[in-house]
C-alpha cells in the first residue's frame, strides 16, 4: 500500500470540491455548483431564502400532485404510474418538511431551556 505524505495529499485537494481527491484511484470530484441568483452579499444564500425556496418547491410538488389526481379522476389523463409517483414524491417532501420543522422546534425549545 502506497501511503502519501501529508504534503502530497494536501497538494491534490481541489478548492471548491466537497471531497478532495487524495488517492489516485479515488473518483474525480467536481466543484460544488453555486447559484449566483440566490447568493446574498455574504457569499451564500441566507437561511430564509433557502427555506423559502424549499417550501416553494414542496408547495409546487403538492399542487402538481393535486392537479394530476384531479386529471386522473376526470379522465384527462390515464397515466396512473405518473400520478402515483408524483403523489408519493409530494407526500415524502411534505413528511420531510414536517420532520424538519419538528427538529427546528426541538432545537428552539432546548435553547430556551438553556437561557432560562
C-alpha atoms as a PDB file:
ATOM      1  CA  UNK A   1       0.000   0.000   0.000  1.00  0.00           C
ATOM      2  CA  UNK A   2       1.344   3.401  -1.020  1.00  0.00           C
ATOM      3  CA  UNK A   3       0.760   5.932   1.755  1.00  0.00           C
ATOM      4  CA  UNK A   4       1.258   9.538   0.748  1.00  0.00           C
ATOM      5  CA  UNK A   5       2.749  12.204   2.972  1.00  0.00           C
ATOM      6  CA  UNK A   6       0.514  14.955   4.247  1.00  0.00           C
ATOM      7  CA  UNK A   7       2.088  17.497   1.880  1.00  0.00           C
ATOM      8  CA  UNK A   8       1.486  15.246  -1.141  1.00  0.00           C
ATOM      9  CA  UNK A   9      -2.099  14.558  -0.129  1.00  0.00           C
ATOM     10  CA  UNK A  10      -2.980  18.169   0.651  1.00  0.00           C
ATOM     11  CA  UNK A  11      -1.460  19.370  -2.624  1.00  0.00           C
ATOM     12  CA  UNK A  12      -4.046  17.300  -4.505  1.00  0.00           C
ATOM     13  CA  UNK A  13      -7.016  18.976  -2.795  1.00  0.00           C
ATOM     14  CA  UNK A  14      -9.075  20.856  -5.356  1.00  0.00           C
ATOM     15  CA  UNK A  15     -10.599  24.067  -3.951  1.00  0.00           C
ATOM     16  CA  UNK A  16     -14.376  24.201  -4.194  1.00  0.00           C
ATOM     17  CA  UNK A  17     -14.909  20.457  -4.013  1.00  0.00           C
ATOM     18  CA  UNK A  18     -16.702  18.604  -1.287  1.00  0.00           C
ATOM     19  CA  UNK A  19     -14.313  15.657  -1.086  1.00  0.00           C
ATOM     20  CA  UNK A  20     -10.645  16.106  -2.069  1.00  0.00           C
ATOM     21  CA  UNK A  21      -9.032  13.669  -4.481  1.00  0.00           C
ATOM     22  CA  UNK A  22      -6.359  12.184  -2.224  1.00  0.00           C
ATOM     23  CA  UNK A  23      -5.972   8.691  -3.604  1.00  0.00           C
ATOM     24  CA  UNK A  24      -5.102   8.247  -7.291  1.00  0.00           C
ATOM     25  CA  UNK A  25      -7.879   5.653  -7.594  1.00  0.00           C
ATOM     26  CA  UNK A  26     -10.489   7.920  -5.972  1.00  0.00           C
ATOM     27  CA  UNK A  27     -13.310   9.070  -8.233  1.00  0.00           C
ATOM     28  CA  UNK A  28     -12.869  12.539  -9.661  1.00  0.00           C
ATOM     29  CA  UNK A  29     -14.904  15.183  -7.880  1.00  0.00           C
ATOM     30  CA  UNK A  30     -16.454  18.228  -9.452  1.00  0.00           C
ATOM     31  CA  UNK A  31     -16.697  21.693  -7.914  1.00  0.00           C
ATOM     32  CA  UNK A  32     -19.841  22.348  -5.954  1.00  0.00           C
ATOM     33  CA  UNK A  33     -22.166  24.412  -8.174  1.00  0.00           C
ATOM     34  CA  UNK A  34     -23.098  27.811  -6.859  1.00  0.00           C
ATOM     35  CA  UNK A  35     -26.336  29.561  -7.557  1.00  0.00           C
ATOM     36  CA  UNK A  36     -25.460  33.212  -8.090  1.00  0.00           C
ATOM     37  CA  UNK A  37     -29.124  34.207  -8.378  1.00  0.00           C
ATOM     38  CA  UNK A  38     -29.873  33.491  -4.707  1.00  0.00           C
ATOM     39  CA  UNK A  39     -26.499  34.458  -3.283  1.00  0.00           C
ATOM     40  CA  UNK A  40     -26.549  37.164  -0.666  1.00  0.00           C
ATOM     41  CA  UNK A  41     -23.844  39.738  -0.139  1.00  0.00           C
ATOM     42  CA  UNK A  42     -22.163  37.388   2.356  1.00  0.00           C
ATOM     43  CA  UNK A  43     -21.372  34.988  -0.461  1.00  0.00           C
ATOM     44  CA  UNK A  44     -24.171  32.439   0.004  1.00  0.00           C
ATOM     45  CA  UNK A  45     -27.909  32.083   0.227  1.00  0.00           C
ATOM     46  CA  UNK A  46     -29.407  33.108   3.537  1.00  0.00           C
ATOM     47  CA  UNK A  47     -31.285  30.612   5.645  1.00  0.00           C
ATOM     48  CA  UNK A  48     -34.555  32.426   4.995  1.00  0.00           C
ATOM     49  CA  UNK A  49     -34.010  32.390   1.219  1.00  0.00           C
ATOM     50  CA  UNK A  50     -33.126  28.702   1.253  1.00  0.00           C
ATOM     51  CA  UNK A  51     -36.168  27.906   3.389  1.00  0.00           C
ATOM     52  CA  UNK A  52     -38.488  29.920   1.128  1.00  0.00           C
ATOM     53  CA  UNK A  53     -37.142  28.146  -1.945  1.00  0.00           C
ATOM     54  CA  UNK A  54     -37.523  24.711  -0.334  1.00  0.00           C
ATOM     55  CA  UNK A  55     -41.074  25.422   0.840  1.00  0.00           C
ATOM     56  CA  UNK A  56     -41.936  26.745  -2.608  1.00  0.00           C
ATOM     57  CA  UNK A  57     -40.650  23.510  -4.154  1.00  0.00           C
ATOM     58  CA  UNK A  58     -42.707  21.425  -1.718  1.00  0.00           C
ATOM     59  CA  UNK A  59     -45.769  23.546  -2.488  1.00  0.00           C
ATOM     60  CA  UNK A  60     -45.208  23.056  -6.230  1.00  0.00           C
ATOM     61  CA  UNK A  61     -44.963  19.285  -5.750  1.00  0.00           C
ATOM     62  CA  UNK A  62     -48.190  19.255  -3.739  1.00  0.00           C
ATOM     63  CA  UNK A  63     -50.012  21.383  -6.342  1.00  0.00           C
ATOM     64  CA  UNK A  64     -48.767  19.207  -9.215  1.00  0.00           C
ATOM     65  CA  UNK A  65     -49.829  16.069  -7.383  1.00  0.00           C
ATOM     66  CA  UNK A  66     -53.258  17.530  -6.677  1.00  0.00           C
ATOM     67  CA  UNK A  67     -53.754  18.554 -10.311  1.00  0.00           C
ATOM     68  CA  UNK A  68     -52.668  15.137 -11.615  1.00  0.00           C
ATOM     69  CA  UNK A  69     -55.082  13.433  -9.210  1.00  0.00           C
ATOM     70  CA  UNK A  70     -57.915  15.639 -10.460  1.00  0.00           C
ATOM     71  CA  UNK A  71     -56.932  14.923 -14.079  1.00  0.00           C
ATOM     72  CA  UNK A  72     -56.950  11.176 -13.388  1.00  0.00           C
ATOM     73  CA  UNK A  73     -60.345  11.390 -11.667  1.00  0.00           C
ATOM     74  CA  UNK A  74     -61.887  13.346 -14.536  1.00  0.00           C
ATOM     75  CA  UNK A  75     -60.315  11.174 -17.215  1.00  0.00           C
ATOM     76  CA  UNK A  76     -57.985  13.825 -18.654  1.00  0.00           C
ATOM     77  CA  UNK A  77     -55.040  11.513 -18.126  1.00  0.00           C
ATOM     78  CA  UNK A  78     -54.613   7.781 -17.975  1.00  0.00           C
ATOM     79  CA  UNK A  79     -51.018   7.778 -16.723  1.00  0.00           C
ATOM     80  CA  UNK A  80     -51.663   6.093 -13.383  1.00  0.00           C
ATOM     81  CA  UNK A  81     -47.956   5.464 -12.726  1.00  0.00           C
ATOM     82  CA  UNK A  82     -47.094   9.150 -13.044  1.00  0.00           C
ATOM     83  CA  UNK A  83     -49.937  10.118 -10.711  1.00  0.00           C
ATOM     84  CA  UNK A  84     -48.849   7.609  -8.066  1.00  0.00           C
ATOM     85  CA  UNK A  85     -45.177   8.582  -8.363  1.00  0.00           C
ATOM     86  CA  UNK A  86     -45.904  12.308  -8.165  1.00  0.00           C
ATOM     87  CA  UNK A  87     -48.270  11.830  -5.232  1.00  0.00           C
ATOM     88  CA  UNK A  88     -45.725   9.768  -3.312  1.00  0.00           C
ATOM     89  CA  UNK A  89     -42.968  12.290  -4.063  1.00  0.00           C
ATOM     90  CA  UNK A  90     -45.168  15.112  -2.731  1.00  0.00           C
ATOM     91  CA  UNK A  91     -46.025  13.024   0.333  1.00  0.00           C
ATOM     92  CA  UNK A  92     -42.352  12.356   1.063  1.00  0.00           C
ATOM     93  CA  UNK A  93     -41.436  16.023   0.587  1.00  0.00           C
ATOM     94  CA  UNK A  94     -44.203  17.078   2.973  1.00  0.00           C
ATOM     95  CA  UNK A  95     -43.212  14.430   5.546  1.00  0.00           C
ATOM     96  CA  UNK A  96     -39.613  15.608   5.384  1.00  0.00           C
ATOM     97  CA  UNK A  97     -40.758  19.211   5.856  1.00  0.00           C
ATOM     98  CA  UNK A  98     -42.753  18.274   8.952  1.00  0.00           C
ATOM     99  CA  UNK A  99     -39.771  16.347  10.335  1.00  0.00           C
ATOM    100  CA  UNK A 100     -37.522  19.362   9.731  1.00  0.00           C
ATOM    101  CA  UNK A 101     -39.995  21.634  11.478  1.00  0.00           C
ATOM    102  CA  UNK A 102     -40.119  19.286  14.458  1.00  0.00           C
ATOM    103  CA  UNK A 103     -36.313  19.210  14.705  1.00  0.00           C
ATOM    104  CA  UNK A 104     -36.108  23.010  14.499  1.00  0.00           C
ATOM    105  CA  UNK A 105     -38.777  23.396  17.184  1.00  0.00           C
ATOM    106  CA  UNK A 106     -36.948  20.929  19.446  1.00  0.00           C
ATOM    107  CA  UNK A 107     -33.728  22.894  18.997  1.00  0.00           C
ATOM    108  CA  UNK A 108     -35.552  26.165  19.731  1.00  0.00           C
ATOM    109  CA  UNK A 109     -37.068  24.728  22.924  1.00  0.00           C
ATOM    110  CA  UNK A 110     -33.675  23.425  24.005  1.00  0.00           C
ATOM    111  CA  UNK A 111     -32.122  26.864  23.501  1.00  0.00           C
ATOM    112  CA  UNK A 112     -34.952  28.413  25.527  1.00  0.00           C
ATOM    113  CA  UNK A 113     -34.282  25.983  28.385  1.00  0.00           C
ATOM    114  CA  UNK A 114     -30.553  26.769  28.329  1.00  0.00           C
ATOM    115  CA  UNK A 115     -31.249  30.505  28.591  1.00  0.00           C
ATOM    116  CA  UNK A 116     -33.704  30.083  31.493  1.00  0.00           C
END
